[in-house]
Amino acid sequence: MLVILIVIGLLGRSPIIATAASILLVLKLTALERFFPAVERRGLELGLLFLTISVLVPFANEKISWRDVTPLFTTVMGLLAMAGGAIATWMNGKGLDLLRAEPHIIVGLVIGSIFGIVFLRGIPVGPLMAAGITAFVLKLCEWFGGRT
């Protein structure tokens, strides 16, 4: 399965998926599977920490100042950007819940991402947002009496 994920990641221009599956395959082949529980337990937190650090770098190196932030609270675009960020993080949380409950759907998310990249000229942003959108659509199906 890891080799398939590596191939899917490479074909789908998703180096993160390919690299993650490669690292797990190396751990497995070198008898370091004992680290799997720790990676499973803390890996997402560590990844989110590094993602947050990378997003905050412009504040740290002063490329973004208070003068740049102030219009966010006074313009329609700024308010919509904040709303979009809030909705996206909420959906990511729902996606994380779905991935924890149904980890096997990652393959469908990756295949769907490849489809989106190849046929819709999309840009891969990661399985968390894809899972969040999936969770949202599943909830809509529940509300309208559909089966999931």
Protein backbone atom coordinates (compact mmCIF):
# COMPACT_ATOMS: atom_id res chain seq x y z
CA MET A 1 0.00 0.00 0.00
CA LEU A 2 2.83 2.42 0.78
CA VAL A 3 4.42 1.79 -2.62
CA ILE A 4 1.07 2.49 -4.28
CA LEU A 5 0.79 5.74 -2.32
CA ILE A 6 4.31 6.69 -3.42
CA VAL A 7 3.40 6.09 -7.07
CA ILE A 8 0.10 7.95 -6.71
CA GLY A 9 1.92 10.85 -5.05
CA LEU A 10 4.48 10.99 -7.85
CA LEU A 11 1.90 10.73 -10.62
CA GLY A 12 -0.28 13.29 -8.92
CA ARG A 13 2.54 15.79 -8.42
CA SER A 14 2.06 15.54 -4.66
CA PRO A 15 5.59 15.34 -3.24
CA ILE A 16 4.29 15.48 0.33
CA ILE A 17 2.30 12.25 -0.09
CA ALA A 18 5.19 10.57 -1.93
CA THR A 19 7.74 11.66 0.67
CA ALA A 20 5.56 10.73 3.64
CA ALA A 21 4.84 7.27 2.23
CA SER A 22 8.56 6.85 1.41
CA ILE A 23 9.61 7.72 4.96
CA LEU A 24 7.07 5.28 6.38
CA LEU A 25 8.26 2.60 3.97
CA VAL A 26 11.88 3.16 5.07
CA LEU A 27 10.81 2.91 8.73
CA LYS A 28 8.98 -0.31 7.95
CA LEU A 29 11.80 -1.87 5.94
CA THR A 30 14.43 -0.97 8.55
CA ALA A 31 12.44 -2.53 11.39
CA LEU A 32 11.74 0.85 12.98
CA GLU A 33 7.99 0.24 13.09
CA ARG A 34 8.10 0.78 16.84
CA PHE A 35 8.04 4.52 16.05
CA PHE A 36 4.71 4.27 14.21
CA PRO A 37 2.58 4.87 17.35
CA ALA A 38 4.58 8.00 18.24
CA VAL A 39 4.37 9.31 14.68
CA GLU A 40 0.65 8.56 14.59
CA ARG A 41 0.08 10.22 17.96
CA ARG A 42 2.22 13.35 17.48
CA GLY A 43 2.99 13.59 13.76
CA LEU A 44 0.03 15.76 12.88
CA GLU A 45 0.73 18.16 15.73
CA LEU A 46 4.35 18.47 14.65
CA GLY A 47 3.35 19.04 11.03
CA LEU A 48 0.83 21.70 12.01
CA LEU A 49 3.45 23.35 14.21
CA PHE A 50 5.87 23.65 11.28
CA LEU A 51 3.08 24.85 8.99
CA THR A 52 2.12 27.55 11.49
CA ILE A 53 5.74 28.58 11.93
CA SER A 54 6.15 28.96 8.17
CA VAL A 55 2.99 31.09 7.95
CA LEU A 56 4.19 33.33 10.79
CA VAL A 57 7.68 33.95 9.38
CA PRO A 58 6.60 37.17 7.58
CA PHE A 59 5.59 38.58 10.98
CA ALA A 60 8.88 37.56 12.54
CA ASN A 61 11.03 39.08 9.80
CA GLU A 62 8.78 42.16 9.74
CA LYS A 63 7.63 41.78 6.12
CA ILE A 64 4.12 42.23 7.54
CA SER A 65 3.55 45.09 9.98
CA TRP A 66 0.58 46.40 11.97
CA ARG A 67 -0.01 48.87 9.15
CA ASP A 68 -0.55 45.90 6.81
CA VAL A 69 -2.90 44.15 9.26
CA THR A 70 -5.17 47.10 10.07
CA PRO A 71 -7.08 47.07 6.72
CA LEU A 72 -8.15 43.50 7.43
CA PHE A 73 -10.63 44.86 9.95
CA THR A 74 -11.89 47.73 7.83
CA THR A 75 -12.30 46.39 4.28
CA VAL A 76 -14.70 43.88 2.76
CA MET A 77 -11.79 41.90 1.33
CA GLY A 78 -10.08 41.78 4.73
CA LEU A 79 -13.24 40.66 6.52
CA LEU A 80 -13.93 38.03 3.86
CA ALA A 81 -10.32 36.81 4.14
CA MET A 82 -10.75 36.38 7.89
CA ALA A 83 -14.08 34.60 7.40
CA GLY A 84 -12.51 32.36 4.75
CA GLY A 85 -9.66 31.49 7.09
CA ALA A 86 -12.06 30.72 9.92
CA ILE A 87 -14.27 28.52 7.72
CA ALA A 88 -11.25 26.72 6.25
CA THR A 89 -9.81 25.92 9.68
CA TRP A 90 -13.22 24.70 10.87
CA MET A 91 -13.47 22.45 7.81
CA ASN A 92 -9.92 21.20 8.39
CA GLY A 93 -10.96 20.22 11.91
CA LYS A 94 -13.93 18.29 10.54
CA GLY A 95 -11.59 16.68 8.01
CA LEU A 96 -9.23 15.63 10.80
CA ASP A 97 -12.14 14.08 12.69
CA LEU A 98 -13.15 12.18 9.54
CA LEU A 99 -9.59 10.97 8.87
CA ARG A 100 -9.27 9.74 12.46
CA ALA A 101 -12.57 7.87 12.21
CA GLU A 102 -12.08 6.57 8.65
CA PRO A 103 -8.32 6.56 7.87
CA HIS A 104 -8.83 4.40 4.77
CA ILE A 105 -10.41 7.32 2.87
CA ILE A 106 -6.96 8.84 2.42
CA VAL A 107 -6.55 6.76 -0.74
CA GLY A 108 -9.75 8.22 -2.20
CA LEU A 109 -8.65 11.73 -1.26
CA VAL A 110 -5.30 11.25 -2.95
CA ILE A 111 -6.88 9.76 -6.10
CA GLY A 112 -9.39 12.62 -6.15
CA SER A 113 -6.54 15.10 -5.79
CA ILE A 114 -4.75 13.50 -8.72
CA PHE A 115 -7.94 13.74 -10.78
CA GLY A 116 -8.25 17.42 -9.83
CA ILE A 117 -4.64 18.14 -10.72
CA VAL A 118 -4.71 16.34 -14.06
CA PHE A 119 -8.20 17.17 -15.35
CA LEU A 120 -9.19 20.35 -13.51
CA ARG A 121 -5.73 21.95 -13.42
CA GLY A 122 -5.97 22.17 -9.65
CA ILE A 123 -3.27 22.61 -7.07
CA PRO A 124 -2.86 20.03 -4.30
CA VAL A 125 -3.27 21.58 -0.86
CA GLY A 126 -3.27 18.40 1.16
CA PRO A 127 -5.55 15.72 2.45
CA LEU A 128 -6.81 17.68 5.46
CA MET A 129 -8.78 20.21 3.41
CA ALA A 130 -9.97 17.49 1.03
CA ALA A 131 -11.19 15.50 4.04
CA GLY A 132 -12.88 18.63 5.42
CA ILE A 133 -14.79 19.14 2.18
CA THR A 134 -15.68 15.44 2.16
CA ALA A 135 -16.96 15.69 5.74
CA PHE A 136 -19.06 18.72 4.79
CA VAL A 137 -20.58 16.94 1.78
CA LEU A 138 -21.26 13.85 3.91
CA LYS A 139 -23.08 16.04 6.43
CA LEU A 140 -25.16 17.59 3.62
CA CYS A 141 -26.07 14.07 2.47
CA GLU A 142 -27.16 13.22 6.02
CA TRP A 143 -29.31 16.36 6.25
CA PHE A 144 -31.06 15.65 3.00
CA GLY A 145 -31.74 12.04 3.84
CA GLY A 146 -29.00 10.51 1.77
CA ARG A 147 -26.95 7.55 2.86
CA THR A 148 -23.25 7.84 3.54
